[in-house]
Amino acid sequence: RLPLTGIFKVVVDVLEKETRIDRIHKMILEYFGGPGRTQTHRSPIKLAVQAMEAMINEGWITAKIDKKAPSMTISRPEENDFIHWNRDEDPASRQDTEAG
């Protein structure tokens, strides 16, 4: 059974009214009072996308591409607290290593 609580309930409520991702995105933002909290790893959009991915993988919802509908533009910063370029560091220079 799918737990109809928290972000899963929000996603189900939205999906009962809308099927296009651009409109789903807008409705989730509106549900949580606007786009102000989208920059954190716990933002409503990020949580909703994770919930929808899990629901797709478990067969609760079906994702389809409608080639006739306009596509949604998704952008991301080059770097932030969670996404950054690879940095190969010398393990000996790390401060969290135990003294030998």
Protein backbone atom coordinates (compact mmCIF):
# COMPACT_ATOMS: atom_id res chain seq x y z
CA ARG A 1 0.00 0.00 0.00
CA LEU A 2 1.12 3.51 -0.81
CA PRO A 3 1.25 5.72 2.28
CA LEU A 4 -1.05 8.67 1.56
CA THR A 5 0.77 11.03 3.86
CA GLY A 6 3.40 13.71 3.53
CA ILE A 7 4.87 14.33 0.10
CA PHE A 8 3.22 11.16 -1.30
CA LYS A 9 -0.22 12.60 -0.49
CA VAL A 10 0.72 15.91 -2.11
CA VAL A 11 1.89 14.09 -5.26
CA VAL A 12 -1.26 11.95 -5.43
CA ASP A 13 -3.51 14.99 -4.88
CA VAL A 14 -1.71 16.88 -7.67
CA LEU A 15 -1.68 13.89 -10.05
CA GLU A 16 -5.44 13.48 -9.61
CA LYS A 17 -5.82 16.98 -11.11
CA GLU A 18 -2.94 17.25 -13.57
CA THR A 19 -0.78 15.06 -15.83
CA ARG A 20 1.66 17.48 -17.47
CA ILE A 21 4.95 17.95 -15.64
CA ASP A 22 5.08 21.73 -16.13
CA ARG A 23 1.67 22.06 -14.49
CA ILE A 24 2.54 19.49 -11.81
CA HIS A 25 5.64 21.53 -11.00
CA LYS A 26 3.58 24.73 -10.70
CA MET A 27 0.92 23.09 -8.54
CA ILE A 28 3.48 21.65 -6.12
CA LEU A 29 5.15 25.06 -5.79
CA GLU A 30 1.76 26.68 -5.17
CA TYR A 31 0.85 24.00 -2.62
CA PHE A 32 3.93 24.90 -0.58
CA GLY A 33 3.50 28.66 -0.92
CA GLY A 34 5.65 29.50 -3.92
CA PRO A 35 9.19 28.94 -5.17
CA GLY A 36 11.04 30.27 -2.10
CA ARG A 37 12.28 26.92 -0.80
CA THR A 38 13.67 25.44 -4.00
CA GLN A 39 17.37 25.97 -3.23
CA THR A 40 17.71 23.41 -0.44
CA HIS A 41 18.07 19.64 -0.70
CA ARG A 42 14.77 19.35 1.20
CA SER A 43 12.81 21.58 -1.20
CA PRO A 44 9.24 20.50 -2.01
CA ILE A 45 10.05 20.07 -5.71
CA LYS A 46 13.05 17.86 -5.03
CA LEU A 47 11.07 15.77 -2.54
CA ALA A 48 8.14 15.50 -4.97
CA VAL A 49 10.42 14.41 -7.83
CA GLN A 50 12.00 11.77 -5.58
CA ALA A 51 8.54 10.58 -4.55
CA MET A 52 7.35 10.43 -8.18
CA GLU A 53 10.49 8.51 -9.21
CA ALA A 54 9.85 5.98 -6.45
CA MET A 55 6.18 5.73 -7.43
CA ILE A 56 7.14 5.19 -11.09
CA ASN A 57 9.68 2.51 -10.15
CA GLU A 58 7.13 0.74 -7.94
CA GLY A 59 4.36 0.93 -10.55
CA TRP A 60 2.06 3.36 -8.72
CA ILE A 61 2.16 5.86 -11.59
CA THR A 62 3.07 5.63 -15.26
CA ALA A 63 5.36 8.20 -16.87
CA LYS A 64 4.93 8.99 -20.56
CA ILE A 65 6.39 11.53 -22.97
CA ASP A 66 3.86 13.52 -24.96
CA LYS A 67 5.84 14.73 -27.95
CA LYS A 68 3.03 17.14 -28.86
CA ALA A 69 3.21 18.97 -25.53
CA PRO A 70 5.81 21.66 -24.95
CA SER A 71 8.87 20.39 -23.15
CA MET A 72 9.83 21.65 -19.73
CA THR A 73 13.14 23.46 -19.51
CA ILE A 74 15.23 22.26 -16.59
CA SER A 75 18.36 24.05 -15.56
CA ARG A 76 20.86 23.51 -12.82
CA PRO A 77 23.73 25.54 -11.47
CA GLU A 78 27.21 24.46 -12.46
CA GLU A 79 28.02 23.99 -8.78
CA ASN A 80 26.22 24.23 -5.46
CA ASP A 81 26.42 22.55 -2.04
CA PHE A 82 25.36 19.20 -3.51
CA ILE A 83 26.73 19.25 -7.07
CA HIS A 84 30.32 20.19 -7.78
CA TRP A 85 33.16 19.38 -10.15
CA ASN A 86 35.29 16.41 -9.18
CA ARG A 87 38.26 17.37 -7.04
CA ASP A 88 40.93 14.72 -6.62
CA GLU A 89 42.51 15.51 -3.29
CA ASP A 90 45.54 14.06 -1.59
CA PRO A 91 44.13 11.84 1.20
CA ALA A 92 47.07 12.81 3.42
CA SER A 93 45.95 16.45 3.29
CA ARG A 94 42.50 15.70 4.71
CA GLN A 95 41.98 17.03 8.20
CA ASP A 96 39.63 14.24 9.22
CA THR A 97 42.23 11.47 8.89
CA GLU A 98 43.36 9.82 12.07
CA ALA A 99 46.84 10.52 13.31
CA GLY A 100 49.03 7.51 12.72
